[in-house]
Amino acid sequence: MNANVMINWTDVGAAIEVDRQSARRVETAMGPIAVFRTLADEYYAVFDRCPHKGGPLSEGIVHGRAIACPLHNWSISLESGEALGADAGKGCTPTVPLKVEDGRILLGLP
């Protein structure tokens, strides 16, 4: 997101509703966003589309701080949205600011 855009923190649900190594798809005015929870209880959010063929990242497999796209197995960093490994530099999906407060997931949306 553009650093000059004012963001509003939008509550999208309880953090506990996202299982470890799993995702939850959230519909927003900007399009679908995938919210992920890692095995280490870290939360990340990215736009729910792989930069390769537009696959739904929310349906992929979480491994560490990355997600494997369910269509072609591209590995995408949850921290940066960048493609990893052999596909590094070939594309990215935008990340979305996220914080967890009082057990609630808040997305930073314009």
Protein backbone atom coordinates (compact mmCIF):
# COMPACT_ATOMS: atom_id res chain seq x y z
CA MET A 1 0.00 0.00 0.00
CA ASN A 2 1.11 3.57 -0.63
CA ALA A 3 2.80 4.98 2.50
CA ASN A 4 0.96 8.31 2.02
CA VAL A 5 -2.51 6.73 2.23
CA MET A 6 -4.28 7.09 5.58
CA ILE A 7 -5.30 3.67 6.86
CA ASN A 8 -8.19 2.65 9.06
CA TRP A 9 -7.84 -0.38 11.29
CA THR A 10 -10.74 -2.67 10.42
CA ASP A 11 -11.73 -5.55 12.70
CA VAL A 12 -12.13 -8.71 10.62
CA GLY A 13 -12.64 -11.28 13.37
CA ALA A 14 -11.20 -13.13 16.30
CA ALA A 15 -7.59 -14.24 15.98
CA ILE A 16 -8.48 -17.65 17.40
CA GLU A 17 -10.80 -18.25 14.41
CA VAL A 18 -7.76 -18.72 12.16
CA ASP A 19 -6.21 -22.14 12.81
CA ARG A 20 -2.43 -22.53 12.95
CA GLN A 21 -0.88 -23.09 9.51
CA SER A 22 -4.12 -21.97 7.94
CA ALA A 23 -5.84 -18.97 6.37
CA ARG A 24 -9.10 -17.11 6.33
CA ARG A 25 -10.38 -15.19 3.30
CA VAL A 26 -11.78 -11.73 4.03
CA GLU A 27 -13.80 -9.81 1.46
CA THR A 28 -12.96 -6.09 1.39
CA ALA A 29 -13.69 -3.13 -0.86
CA MET A 30 -10.13 -3.60 -2.19
CA GLY A 31 -10.81 -7.24 -3.05
CA PRO A 32 -10.28 -10.50 -1.20
CA ILE A 33 -7.51 -10.59 1.39
CA ALA A 34 -6.05 -13.76 2.90
CA VAL A 35 -5.23 -13.66 6.62
CA PHE A 36 -2.70 -16.31 7.68
CA ARG A 37 -1.63 -17.74 11.02
CA THR A 38 1.68 -19.58 11.21
CA LEU A 39 2.59 -22.47 13.48
CA ALA A 40 4.45 -19.89 15.63
CA ASP A 41 1.19 -17.87 16.03
CA GLU A 42 2.34 -15.07 13.73
CA TYR A 43 -0.35 -13.39 11.64
CA TYR A 44 0.06 -11.99 8.12
CA ALA A 45 -2.24 -10.64 5.42
CA VAL A 46 -1.78 -10.51 1.65
CA PHE A 47 -4.08 -10.05 -1.30
CA ASP A 48 -5.63 -13.43 -2.04
CA ARG A 49 -4.07 -13.97 -5.45
CA CYS A 50 -0.84 -15.54 -6.56
CA PRO A 51 1.25 -13.29 -8.82
CA HIS A 52 1.77 -16.21 -11.22
CA LYS A 53 -1.73 -17.23 -12.33
CA GLY A 54 -3.98 -15.54 -9.77
CA GLY A 55 -4.51 -18.66 -7.65
CA PRO A 56 -6.30 -18.27 -4.29
CA LEU A 57 -3.45 -18.15 -1.77
CA SER A 58 -5.95 -18.63 1.07
CA GLU A 59 -6.33 -22.23 -0.17
CA GLY A 60 -2.58 -22.91 -0.18
CA ILE A 61 -0.33 -24.63 2.34
CA VAL A 62 1.38 -22.50 5.01
CA HIS A 63 5.00 -23.49 5.64
CA GLY A 64 7.04 -21.32 7.97
CA ARG A 65 6.47 -17.71 6.91
CA ALA A 66 5.45 -18.64 3.37
CA ILE A 67 2.44 -19.96 1.49
CA ALA A 68 2.49 -22.47 -1.36
CA CYS A 69 0.02 -21.52 -4.10
CA PRO A 70 -2.53 -24.31 -4.64
CA LEU A 71 -2.39 -23.98 -8.44
CA HIS A 72 1.29 -24.23 -9.35
CA ASN A 73 3.07 -24.49 -5.98
CA TRP A 74 4.79 -21.12 -6.16
CA SER A 75 6.09 -20.23 -2.71
CA ILE A 76 5.17 -16.69 -1.60
CA SER A 77 6.65 -14.89 1.41
CA LEU A 78 3.96 -13.86 3.89
CA GLU A 79 6.27 -11.09 5.11
CA SER A 80 6.94 -9.40 1.75
CA GLY A 81 4.51 -10.96 -0.74
CA GLU A 82 7.49 -11.81 -2.99
CA ALA A 83 7.86 -15.09 -4.85
CA LEU A 84 10.59 -17.26 -3.31
CA GLY A 85 13.06 -19.91 -4.48
CA ALA A 86 13.36 -20.56 -8.20
CA ASP A 87 10.55 -18.07 -8.87
CA ALA A 88 12.16 -15.18 -6.93
CA GLY A 89 11.88 -11.89 -8.79
CA LYS A 90 9.01 -13.08 -10.98
CA GLY A 91 6.24 -11.30 -9.08
CA CYS A 92 4.61 -10.49 -5.80
CA THR A 93 1.25 -10.02 -4.19
CA PRO A 94 0.71 -6.92 -2.05
CA THR A 95 0.88 -7.34 1.71
CA VAL A 96 -1.68 -5.70 3.99
CA PRO A 97 -0.88 -4.15 7.38
CA LEU A 98 -2.20 -6.38 10.18
CA LYS A 99 -2.16 -6.26 13.95
CA VAL A 100 -3.76 -8.35 16.68
CA GLU A 101 -5.22 -6.43 19.61
CA ASP A 102 -7.29 -7.90 22.43
CA GLY A 103 -7.61 -11.15 20.48
CA ARG A 104 -9.01 -9.42 17.38
CA ILE A 105 -7.45 -9.22 13.91
CA LEU A 106 -7.26 -5.71 12.54
CA LEU A 107 -6.39 -4.99 8.92
CA GLY A 108 -4.99 -1.62 7.87
CA LEU A 109 -7.23 -0.61 4.98
CA PRO A 110 -7.51 2.77 3.25
